[in-house]
N, C-alpha and C. Protein backbone atom coordinates (compact mmCIF):
# COMPACT_ATOMS: atom_id res chain seq x y z
N MET A 1 21.80 -42.48 -44.52
CA MET A 1 21.01 -41.62 -43.69
C MET A 1 21.95 -40.59 -43.04
N PRO A 2 21.61 -39.27 -43.15
CA PRO A 2 22.48 -38.24 -42.56
C PRO A 2 22.40 -38.28 -41.03
N HIS A 3 23.53 -37.93 -40.39
CA HIS A 3 23.60 -37.90 -38.93
C HIS A 3 22.92 -36.62 -38.43
N ARG A 4 22.02 -36.78 -37.49
CA ARG A 4 21.27 -35.63 -36.98
C ARG A 4 21.58 -35.44 -35.49
N ASN A 5 21.89 -34.21 -35.11
CA ASN A 5 22.19 -33.88 -33.72
C ASN A 5 20.88 -33.88 -32.93
N PRO A 6 20.74 -34.69 -31.88
CA PRO A 6 19.48 -34.76 -31.12
C PRO A 6 19.21 -33.48 -30.33
N PHE A 7 20.22 -32.63 -30.12
CA PHE A 7 20.04 -31.39 -29.36
C PHE A 7 19.84 -30.17 -30.25
N ALA A 8 19.88 -30.33 -31.53
CA ALA A 8 19.70 -29.20 -32.44
C ALA A 8 18.22 -28.84 -32.50
N ALA A 9 17.90 -27.55 -32.39
CA ALA A 9 16.52 -27.10 -32.44
C ALA A 9 16.11 -26.84 -33.89
N PRO A 10 14.84 -27.07 -34.21
CA PRO A 10 14.36 -26.73 -35.55
C PRO A 10 14.49 -25.23 -35.77
N TRP A 11 14.52 -24.80 -37.02
CA TRP A 11 14.73 -23.39 -37.35
C TRP A 11 13.65 -22.49 -36.75
N TRP A 12 12.41 -22.97 -36.65
CA TRP A 12 11.35 -22.11 -36.15
C TRP A 12 11.50 -21.81 -34.66
N TRP A 13 12.23 -22.66 -33.91
CA TRP A 13 12.52 -22.38 -32.51
C TRP A 13 13.41 -21.14 -32.36
N LEU A 14 14.29 -20.95 -33.31
CA LEU A 14 15.19 -19.79 -33.27
C LEU A 14 14.44 -18.49 -33.43
N VAL A 15 13.25 -18.52 -34.03
CA VAL A 15 12.42 -17.33 -34.20
C VAL A 15 11.39 -17.25 -33.06
N ALA A 16 10.78 -18.38 -32.71
CA ALA A 16 9.69 -18.39 -31.74
C ALA A 16 10.14 -18.04 -30.33
N VAL A 17 11.25 -18.58 -29.88
CA VAL A 17 11.69 -18.35 -28.50
C VAL A 17 11.97 -16.87 -28.23
N PRO A 18 12.77 -16.17 -29.05
CA PRO A 18 12.97 -14.74 -28.79
C PRO A 18 11.67 -13.93 -28.88
N LEU A 19 10.79 -14.31 -29.80
CA LEU A 19 9.52 -13.60 -29.93
C LEU A 19 8.67 -13.78 -28.67
N VAL A 20 8.58 -14.97 -28.15
CA VAL A 20 7.80 -15.24 -26.94
C VAL A 20 8.41 -14.50 -25.75
N LEU A 21 9.72 -14.47 -25.66
CA LEU A 21 10.37 -13.80 -24.53
C LEU A 21 10.16 -12.29 -24.55
N THR A 22 9.93 -11.71 -25.71
CA THR A 22 9.69 -10.27 -25.76
C THR A 22 8.22 -9.92 -25.63
N VAL A 23 7.33 -10.80 -26.00
CA VAL A 23 5.90 -10.50 -25.97
C VAL A 23 5.25 -10.95 -24.66
N LEU A 24 5.63 -12.08 -24.12
CA LEU A 24 4.97 -12.67 -22.97
C LEU A 24 5.06 -11.91 -21.65
N PRO A 25 6.15 -11.26 -21.32
CA PRO A 25 6.22 -10.70 -19.97
C PRO A 25 5.00 -9.88 -19.58
N GLY A 26 4.52 -8.98 -20.43
CA GLY A 26 3.28 -8.27 -20.17
C GLY A 26 3.22 -7.58 -18.82
N CYS A 27 4.34 -7.25 -18.23
CA CYS A 27 4.33 -6.62 -16.91
C CYS A 27 4.53 -5.12 -17.03
N ASP A 28 4.42 -4.60 -18.24
CA ASP A 28 4.56 -3.16 -18.44
C ASP A 28 5.91 -2.66 -17.94
N GLY A 29 6.92 -3.49 -18.02
CA GLY A 29 8.24 -3.08 -17.60
C GLY A 29 8.47 -3.16 -16.10
N GLN A 30 7.48 -3.62 -15.33
CA GLN A 30 7.62 -3.72 -13.88
C GLN A 30 7.63 -5.17 -13.47
N SER A 31 8.41 -5.47 -12.47
CA SER A 31 8.44 -6.81 -11.93
C SER A 31 7.14 -7.08 -11.17
N PRO A 32 6.49 -8.24 -11.37
CA PRO A 32 5.27 -8.51 -10.62
C PRO A 32 5.52 -8.71 -9.13
N VAL A 33 6.76 -8.93 -8.75
CA VAL A 33 7.08 -9.13 -7.34
C VAL A 33 7.21 -7.80 -6.62
N SER A 34 7.66 -6.76 -7.34
CA SER A 34 7.83 -5.45 -6.71
C SER A 34 7.18 -4.38 -7.56
N PRO A 35 5.87 -4.16 -7.39
CA PRO A 35 5.17 -3.18 -8.20
C PRO A 35 5.69 -1.78 -7.92
N SER A 36 5.56 -0.91 -8.91
CA SER A 36 6.02 0.46 -8.72
C SER A 36 5.14 1.14 -7.69
N SER A 37 5.69 2.08 -6.95
CA SER A 37 4.93 2.74 -5.91
C SER A 37 3.77 3.53 -6.49
N SER A 38 3.91 4.05 -7.70
CA SER A 38 2.81 4.82 -8.28
C SER A 38 1.61 3.92 -8.55
N ARG A 39 1.83 2.70 -8.97
CA ARG A 39 0.71 1.78 -9.19
C ARG A 39 0.12 1.33 -7.88
N LEU A 40 0.94 1.16 -6.87
CA LEU A 40 0.46 0.66 -5.60
C LEU A 40 -0.33 1.73 -4.84
N MET A 41 0.10 2.96 -4.92
CA MET A 41 -0.45 3.98 -4.05
C MET A 41 -1.50 4.89 -4.69
N VAL A 42 -1.60 4.99 -6.00
CA VAL A 42 -2.54 5.90 -6.62
C VAL A 42 -3.64 5.10 -7.26
N SER A 43 -4.87 5.46 -6.98
CA SER A 43 -5.99 4.78 -7.59
C SER A 43 -6.78 5.79 -8.40
N GLU A 44 -7.86 5.35 -9.02
CA GLU A 44 -8.68 6.23 -9.83
C GLU A 44 -9.29 7.35 -8.99
N SER A 45 -9.55 7.11 -7.72
CA SER A 45 -10.22 8.11 -6.90
C SER A 45 -9.26 9.14 -6.31
N GLY A 46 -7.97 9.02 -6.53
CA GLY A 46 -7.06 10.03 -6.03
C GLY A 46 -5.83 9.45 -5.39
N LEU A 47 -5.45 10.07 -4.30
CA LEU A 47 -4.22 9.71 -3.60
C LEU A 47 -4.55 8.83 -2.40
N THR A 48 -3.52 8.19 -1.87
CA THR A 48 -3.71 7.28 -0.75
C THR A 48 -2.87 7.73 0.44
N VAL A 49 -3.47 7.65 1.62
CA VAL A 49 -2.73 7.79 2.87
C VAL A 49 -2.78 6.40 3.51
N SER A 50 -1.63 5.87 3.84
CA SER A 50 -1.58 4.53 4.42
C SER A 50 -0.51 4.50 5.50
N GLY A 51 -0.59 3.49 6.34
CA GLY A 51 0.41 3.35 7.40
C GLY A 51 -0.05 2.35 8.43
N TYR A 52 0.52 2.45 9.62
CA TYR A 52 0.22 1.53 10.71
C TYR A 52 -0.22 2.30 11.94
N VAL A 53 -1.06 1.64 12.74
CA VAL A 53 -1.50 2.19 14.02
C VAL A 53 -0.95 1.27 15.10
N TYR A 54 -0.20 1.85 16.02
CA TYR A 54 0.44 1.10 17.10
C TYR A 54 0.04 1.66 18.44
N GLN A 55 0.16 0.83 19.47
CA GLN A 55 0.05 1.34 20.84
C GLN A 55 1.39 2.00 21.15
N SER A 56 1.35 3.15 21.81
CA SER A 56 2.60 3.83 22.13
C SER A 56 3.51 2.89 22.91
N LEU A 57 4.79 3.12 22.76
CA LEU A 57 5.79 2.25 23.36
C LEU A 57 5.47 1.97 24.83
N ALA A 58 5.33 0.71 25.15
CA ALA A 58 4.99 0.31 26.52
C ALA A 58 6.05 -0.65 27.03
N ARG A 59 6.34 -0.55 28.29
CA ARG A 59 7.33 -1.44 28.91
C ARG A 59 6.89 -2.89 28.74
N ASP A 60 7.81 -3.72 28.35
CA ASP A 60 7.62 -5.17 28.18
C ASP A 60 6.75 -5.58 27.00
N SER A 61 6.15 -4.62 26.28
CA SER A 61 5.30 -5.04 25.15
C SER A 61 5.70 -4.39 23.83
N GLY A 62 6.66 -3.49 23.84
CA GLY A 62 7.08 -2.85 22.59
C GLY A 62 5.99 -1.95 22.06
N GLU A 63 5.73 -2.05 20.78
CA GLU A 63 4.69 -1.26 20.13
C GLU A 63 3.71 -2.20 19.44
N PRO A 64 2.79 -2.81 20.19
CA PRO A 64 1.87 -3.75 19.55
C PRO A 64 0.93 -3.03 18.58
N PRO A 65 0.57 -3.69 17.48
CA PRO A 65 -0.35 -3.09 16.52
C PRO A 65 -1.75 -2.98 17.13
N ILE A 66 -2.51 -2.02 16.66
CA ILE A 66 -3.89 -1.83 17.11
C ILE A 66 -4.82 -2.13 15.94
N ALA A 67 -5.61 -3.17 16.08
CA ALA A 67 -6.58 -3.56 15.05
C ALA A 67 -7.89 -2.80 15.27
N ASP A 68 -8.63 -2.63 14.20
CA ASP A 68 -9.97 -2.01 14.22
C ASP A 68 -9.98 -0.57 14.71
N ALA A 69 -8.88 0.15 14.52
CA ALA A 69 -8.89 1.58 14.79
C ALA A 69 -9.57 2.25 13.59
N LEU A 70 -10.38 3.28 13.86
CA LEU A 70 -11.09 4.00 12.80
C LEU A 70 -10.23 5.16 12.33
N ILE A 71 -9.87 5.14 11.04
CA ILE A 71 -9.08 6.20 10.44
C ILE A 71 -10.03 7.00 9.56
N THR A 72 -10.08 8.32 9.77
CA THR A 72 -10.95 9.20 8.99
C THR A 72 -10.10 10.27 8.32
N LEU A 73 -10.24 10.39 7.01
CA LEU A 73 -9.56 11.43 6.25
C LEU A 73 -10.63 12.41 5.76
N ARG A 74 -10.51 13.69 6.15
CA ARG A 74 -11.45 14.73 5.73
C ARG A 74 -10.69 15.74 4.89
N ASP A 75 -11.18 15.98 3.65
CA ASP A 75 -10.47 16.92 2.78
C ASP A 75 -11.01 18.34 2.98
N ALA A 76 -10.48 19.30 2.23
CA ALA A 76 -10.81 20.71 2.39
C ALA A 76 -12.29 21.00 2.11
N THR A 77 -12.94 20.16 1.32
CA THR A 77 -14.36 20.38 1.00
C THR A 77 -15.28 19.71 2.03
N GLY A 78 -14.72 19.00 2.98
CA GLY A 78 -15.50 18.34 4.01
C GLY A 78 -15.85 16.90 3.70
N ILE A 79 -15.42 16.39 2.56
CA ILE A 79 -15.69 15.00 2.19
C ILE A 79 -14.80 14.09 3.03
N GLU A 80 -15.41 13.04 3.60
CA GLU A 80 -14.67 12.12 4.46
C GLU A 80 -14.56 10.74 3.82
N SER A 81 -13.41 10.11 4.03
CA SER A 81 -13.17 8.71 3.68
C SER A 81 -12.71 8.02 4.95
N THR A 82 -13.15 6.79 5.15
CA THR A 82 -12.78 6.08 6.37
C THR A 82 -12.23 4.70 6.05
N ALA A 83 -11.51 4.16 7.01
CA ALA A 83 -10.97 2.80 6.93
C ALA A 83 -10.76 2.30 8.34
N LEU A 84 -10.70 0.97 8.49
CA LEU A 84 -10.35 0.34 9.76
C LEU A 84 -8.99 -0.31 9.61
N SER A 85 -8.17 -0.23 10.65
CA SER A 85 -6.88 -0.91 10.61
C SER A 85 -7.11 -2.42 10.72
N ASP A 86 -6.25 -3.19 10.06
CA ASP A 86 -6.39 -4.65 10.09
C ASP A 86 -5.66 -5.22 11.32
N PHE A 87 -5.55 -6.53 11.40
CA PHE A 87 -4.93 -7.18 12.56
C PHE A 87 -3.46 -6.79 12.73
N ARG A 88 -2.82 -6.31 11.66
CA ARG A 88 -1.42 -5.85 11.76
C ARG A 88 -1.34 -4.38 12.09
N GLY A 89 -2.49 -3.71 12.21
CA GLY A 89 -2.52 -2.27 12.45
C GLY A 89 -2.45 -1.47 11.16
N PHE A 90 -2.43 -2.13 10.01
CA PHE A 90 -2.29 -1.45 8.72
C PHE A 90 -3.62 -0.87 8.26
N TYR A 91 -3.54 0.32 7.64
CA TYR A 91 -4.72 0.94 7.05
C TYR A 91 -4.34 1.58 5.73
N ARG A 92 -5.36 1.84 4.92
CA ARG A 92 -5.19 2.57 3.66
C ARG A 92 -6.51 3.30 3.41
N VAL A 93 -6.43 4.61 3.20
CA VAL A 93 -7.62 5.41 2.97
C VAL A 93 -7.37 6.34 1.78
N GLN A 94 -8.41 6.54 0.96
CA GLN A 94 -8.29 7.36 -0.25
C GLN A 94 -8.62 8.81 0.04
N GLY A 95 -7.99 9.71 -0.70
CA GLY A 95 -8.26 11.13 -0.59
C GLY A 95 -7.92 11.83 -1.89
N THR A 96 -8.19 13.12 -1.93
CA THR A 96 -7.84 13.92 -3.10
C THR A 96 -6.85 14.99 -2.67
N ALA A 97 -6.12 15.51 -3.63
CA ALA A 97 -5.10 16.51 -3.34
C ALA A 97 -5.77 17.76 -2.76
N SER A 98 -5.47 18.06 -1.51
CA SER A 98 -5.98 19.24 -0.81
C SER A 98 -5.40 19.24 0.59
N GLU A 99 -5.80 20.22 1.38
CA GLU A 99 -5.45 20.19 2.80
C GLU A 99 -6.36 19.15 3.44
N VAL A 100 -5.78 18.24 4.22
CA VAL A 100 -6.56 17.17 4.83
C VAL A 100 -6.32 17.09 6.32
N VAL A 101 -7.28 16.48 7.00
CA VAL A 101 -7.14 16.15 8.41
C VAL A 101 -7.35 14.65 8.51
N VAL A 102 -6.37 13.95 9.07
CA VAL A 102 -6.48 12.50 9.27
C VAL A 102 -6.54 12.27 10.77
N SER A 103 -7.60 11.59 11.20
CA SER A 103 -7.73 11.29 12.63
C SER A 103 -7.84 9.78 12.82
N VAL A 104 -7.36 9.33 13.98
CA VAL A 104 -7.41 7.91 14.32
C VAL A 104 -8.03 7.79 15.70
N ALA A 105 -9.06 6.93 15.78
CA ALA A 105 -9.78 6.75 17.04
C ALA A 105 -10.01 5.27 17.31
N LYS A 106 -9.92 4.93 18.58
CA LYS A 106 -10.20 3.56 19.03
C LYS A 106 -10.62 3.66 20.49
N GLU A 107 -11.71 2.97 20.85
CA GLU A 107 -12.17 3.00 22.23
C GLU A 107 -11.06 2.50 23.15
N GLY A 108 -10.84 3.25 24.24
CA GLY A 108 -9.80 2.89 25.20
C GLY A 108 -8.48 3.58 24.93
N TYR A 109 -8.41 4.37 23.84
CA TYR A 109 -7.17 5.08 23.47
C TYR A 109 -7.48 6.54 23.21
N SER A 110 -6.49 7.40 23.43
CA SER A 110 -6.67 8.81 23.09
C SER A 110 -6.67 8.96 21.57
N THR A 111 -7.49 9.86 21.06
CA THR A 111 -7.60 10.10 19.62
C THR A 111 -6.42 10.95 19.15
N ARG A 112 -5.91 10.63 17.98
CA ARG A 112 -4.79 11.41 17.39
C ARG A 112 -5.26 12.02 16.09
N GLU A 113 -4.63 13.13 15.72
CA GLU A 113 -5.02 13.84 14.51
C GLU A 113 -3.78 14.45 13.86
N SER A 114 -3.79 14.49 12.54
CA SER A 114 -2.69 15.10 11.79
C SER A 114 -3.27 15.92 10.65
N ARG A 115 -2.78 17.15 10.48
CA ARG A 115 -3.22 18.04 9.40
C ARG A 115 -2.03 18.29 8.47
N PHE A 116 -2.28 18.19 7.17
CA PHE A 116 -1.21 18.46 6.20
C PHE A 116 -1.80 18.61 4.81
N ASP A 117 -0.99 19.11 3.89
CA ASP A 117 -1.39 19.21 2.48
C ASP A 117 -1.08 17.89 1.81
N LEU A 118 -2.11 17.24 1.31
CA LEU A 118 -1.95 15.97 0.60
C LEU A 118 -1.67 16.29 -0.86
N THR A 119 -0.42 16.15 -1.26
CA THR A 119 -0.02 16.44 -2.63
C THR A 119 0.45 15.19 -3.37
N GLU A 120 0.74 14.15 -2.60
CA GLU A 120 1.13 12.86 -3.16
C GLU A 120 0.76 11.79 -2.16
N SER A 121 0.72 10.55 -2.62
CA SER A 121 0.41 9.46 -1.70
C SER A 121 1.41 9.47 -0.56
N THR A 122 0.91 9.24 0.65
CA THR A 122 1.71 9.47 1.86
C THR A 122 1.60 8.30 2.83
N VAL A 123 2.70 7.99 3.50
CA VAL A 123 2.70 7.01 4.58
C VAL A 123 2.68 7.79 5.89
N LEU A 124 1.70 7.46 6.74
CA LEU A 124 1.51 8.17 8.00
C LEU A 124 1.20 7.15 9.09
N ASN A 125 2.14 6.94 10.01
CA ASN A 125 1.96 6.00 11.12
C ASN A 125 1.47 6.76 12.34
N PHE A 126 0.63 6.09 13.14
CA PHE A 126 0.10 6.69 14.36
C PHE A 126 0.42 5.81 15.55
N SER A 127 0.72 6.45 16.67
CA SER A 127 0.96 5.77 17.93
C SER A 127 -0.09 6.27 18.91
N LEU A 128 -0.96 5.38 19.38
CA LEU A 128 -2.04 5.76 20.31
C LEU A 128 -1.66 5.40 21.73
N THR A 129 -2.10 6.24 22.65
CA THR A 129 -1.84 6.03 24.08
C THR A 129 -3.11 5.53 24.75
N PRO A 130 -3.00 4.42 25.52
CA PRO A 130 -4.19 3.96 26.25
C PRO A 130 -4.67 4.99 27.25
N VAL A 131 -5.99 5.12 27.36
CA VAL A 131 -6.59 6.02 28.33
C VAL A 131 -6.65 5.29 29.66
N PRO A 132 -6.19 5.91 30.75
CA PRO A 132 -6.24 5.25 32.06
C PRO A 132 -7.68 4.93 32.45
N GLN A 133 -7.89 3.76 33.00
CA GLN A 133 -9.24 3.30 33.38
C GLN A 133 -9.63 3.84 34.72
């Protein structure tokens, strides 16, 4: 009986393993842990404006996030898209390439507004100031 190495792989393993390693990833060349910014920020409906809404720097509290702030993006044609900030103050709203006005409003805070040409997906953070009672 011929001596057989218990660690030797059959011949078909030498073909199958490299083939599986080249076909299986299916991540389109991108790591699933760190998606490309173009995939993350651009959707079928256009460009994205995203960021965080914070309370303006306050003594002893830093910049706490503001949840449930209403973010409104109005494009040059008057079409509006809205979003609410989450518990972390994060928001994401869709728009199309044009001159836009982005406003942020929350009861008890002064409203903020920013005007700019939206030509690519943009990160825009807002700091709101509490209105004195």
